[in-house]
Amino acid sequence: QVQLVESGGGPVLTGGSLRLSCAAAGRLFISLAVGWFRQAPGKERELVATINYNGGQTYYVDSVKGRFTVSRDNAKNTAYLQMISLKPEDTGLYYCAADRSGIYRPPPLNPQDYDYWGQGTQVTVSS
């Protein structure tokens, strides 16, 4: 089992920045791929970014490219999502998720392929 705990969300003005953290416990973190997802009210959960087990491979959806940066510190068992130039459409509940097959395949793009989820942290961007 893996426990994931997100933090760092909050209210922010348009153009502002936040850094989300995803702290993991319970399994060798370096073996896990990590995905960041978000869900806005009334919408489906959507992928934001992924990072592979050693941090050497990242992926971003087009809407956040150039504004969000995903990273990880395996020594601290923590993944991060740095967000700048935030827009109101970035508002949502942000989740991190972990894929236990991280050393065997690229990070999945489908949320159903992730094995562990955090409880989420709310990001609210207002103009």
Protein backbone atom coordinates (compact mmCIF):
# COMPACT_ATOMS: atom_id res chain seq x y z
CA GLN A 1 0.00 0.00 0.00
CA VAL A 2 0.98 3.59 -0.62
CA GLN A 3 -0.37 6.62 1.13
CA LEU A 4 -0.29 9.89 -0.78
CA VAL A 5 -0.89 13.26 0.81
CA GLU A 6 -1.19 16.43 -1.25
CA SER A 7 -0.61 19.90 0.10
CA GLY A 8 0.05 23.41 -1.11
CA GLY A 9 -3.29 24.32 -2.60
CA GLY A 10 -5.23 27.44 -1.79
CA PRO A 11 -6.73 30.60 -3.22
CA VAL A 12 -4.63 32.63 -5.64
CA LEU A 13 -5.18 35.49 -8.02
CA THR A 14 -4.92 35.16 -11.77
CA GLY A 15 -1.27 35.20 -12.75
CA GLY A 16 -0.18 33.88 -9.39
CA SER A 17 1.81 30.79 -8.50
CA LEU A 18 1.48 27.76 -6.29
CA ARG A 19 3.58 24.71 -5.63
CA LEU A 20 1.77 21.51 -4.82
CA SER A 21 3.46 18.67 -2.98
CA CYS A 22 2.63 15.00 -2.94
CA ALA A 23 4.22 13.13 -0.04
CA ALA A 24 4.30 9.35 -0.30
CA ALA A 25 4.63 6.69 2.37
CA GLY A 26 4.44 2.93 2.48
CA ARG A 27 6.33 1.76 -0.57
CA LEU A 28 9.63 2.42 -2.30
CA PHE A 29 8.83 5.77 -3.87
CA ILE A 30 11.42 5.43 -6.60
CA SER A 31 9.49 2.52 -8.08
CA LEU A 32 6.38 4.64 -8.61
CA ALA A 33 5.39 6.80 -11.53
CA VAL A 34 3.37 9.84 -10.50
CA GLY A 35 0.54 11.62 -12.19
CA TRP A 36 -1.14 14.89 -11.30
CA PHE A 37 -4.82 15.23 -12.07
CA ARG A 38 -7.44 17.86 -11.44
CA GLN A 39 -11.19 17.96 -11.29
CA ALA A 40 -13.32 21.05 -11.62
CA PRO A 41 -16.91 21.10 -10.36
CA GLY A 42 -19.20 19.33 -12.79
CA LYS A 43 -16.33 18.08 -14.91
CA GLU A 44 -14.46 14.85 -15.24
CA ARG A 45 -11.09 14.32 -13.68
CA GLU A 46 -8.39 15.26 -16.16
CA LEU A 47 -4.71 14.56 -16.43
CA VAL A 48 -2.41 17.52 -15.88
CA ALA A 49 1.11 16.09 -15.86
CA THR A 50 3.11 12.95 -15.26
CA ILE A 51 6.63 12.11 -14.21
CA ASN A 52 8.35 8.78 -14.46
CA TYR A 53 10.04 6.94 -11.61
CA ASN A 54 13.43 8.69 -11.85
CA GLY A 55 12.24 12.09 -13.03
CA GLY A 56 13.78 11.74 -16.45
CA GLN A 57 10.52 11.73 -18.37
CA THR A 58 7.69 14.20 -18.01
CA TYR A 59 4.45 14.86 -19.82
CA TYR A 60 2.07 17.82 -19.78
CA VAL A 61 -1.30 18.42 -21.28
CA ASP A 62 -1.30 21.27 -23.77
CA SER A 63 -3.26 23.62 -21.53
CA VAL A 64 -0.50 23.74 -18.90
CA LYS A 65 2.64 23.49 -21.03
CA GLY A 66 5.04 26.29 -20.25
CA ARG A 67 3.23 27.12 -17.00
CA PHE A 68 3.40 23.94 -14.91
CA THR A 69 6.47 21.94 -14.00
CA VAL A 70 6.36 18.49 -12.46
CA SER A 71 9.34 17.22 -10.49
CA ARG A 72 10.21 14.77 -7.77
CA ASP A 73 12.72 14.27 -5.00
CA ASN A 74 13.06 10.56 -4.41
CA ALA A 75 15.20 11.13 -1.33
CA LYS A 76 12.24 12.95 0.23
CA ASN A 77 9.57 10.63 -1.20
CA THR A 78 7.83 13.67 -2.61
CA ALA A 79 6.60 14.84 -5.98
CA TYR A 80 5.84 18.45 -6.84
CA LEU A 81 3.76 20.45 -9.26
CA GLN A 82 4.98 24.00 -9.68
CA MET A 83 2.28 26.17 -11.22
CA ILE A 84 2.83 29.70 -12.51
CA SER A 85 0.73 32.14 -14.51
CA LEU A 86 -2.38 30.57 -13.08
CA LYS A 87 -5.71 31.13 -14.79
CA PRO A 88 -9.28 30.79 -13.50
CA GLU A 89 -9.67 27.68 -15.65
CA ASP A 90 -6.95 26.02 -13.56
CA THR A 91 -9.33 25.97 -10.61
CA GLY A 92 -10.09 22.51 -9.30
CA LEU A 93 -9.27 19.79 -6.85
CA TYR A 94 -5.77 18.58 -7.62
CA TYR A 95 -4.83 14.97 -6.98
CA CYS A 96 -1.61 13.09 -7.19
CA ALA A 97 -1.67 9.44 -8.11
CA ALA A 98 0.93 6.70 -8.22
CA ASP A 99 1.44 3.79 -10.57
CA ARG A 100 3.14 0.84 -8.87
CA SER A 101 4.47 -0.39 -12.20
CA GLY A 102 6.52 2.74 -12.62
CA ILE A 103 9.81 1.04 -13.34
CA TYR A 104 8.29 -1.15 -16.06
CA ARG A 105 6.38 1.33 -18.20
CA PRO A 106 5.93 5.03 -18.92
CA PRO A 107 3.51 6.87 -16.64
CA PRO A 108 -0.07 6.15 -17.68
CA LEU A 109 -2.27 8.85 -19.13
CA ASN A 110 -5.49 7.16 -18.04
CA PRO A 111 -6.51 7.72 -14.41
CA GLN A 112 -7.85 4.17 -14.26
CA ASP A 113 -4.30 2.86 -14.62
CA TYR A 114 -3.15 4.44 -11.37
CA ASP A 115 -3.15 2.35 -8.23
CA TYR A 116 -2.98 4.90 -5.44
CA TRP A 117 -4.56 8.32 -4.97
CA GLY A 118 -4.31 11.14 -2.51
CA GLN A 119 -7.24 13.01 -1.09
CA GLY A 120 -6.68 16.11 -3.18
CA THR A 121 -5.85 19.74 -2.52
CA GLN A 122 -8.04 22.59 -3.71
CA VAL A 123 -6.71 25.27 -6.02
CA THR A 124 -8.92 28.28 -6.61
CA VAL A 125 -7.83 30.93 -9.07
CA SER A 126 -9.82 34.13 -9.12
CA SER A 127 -9.56 37.21 -11.27
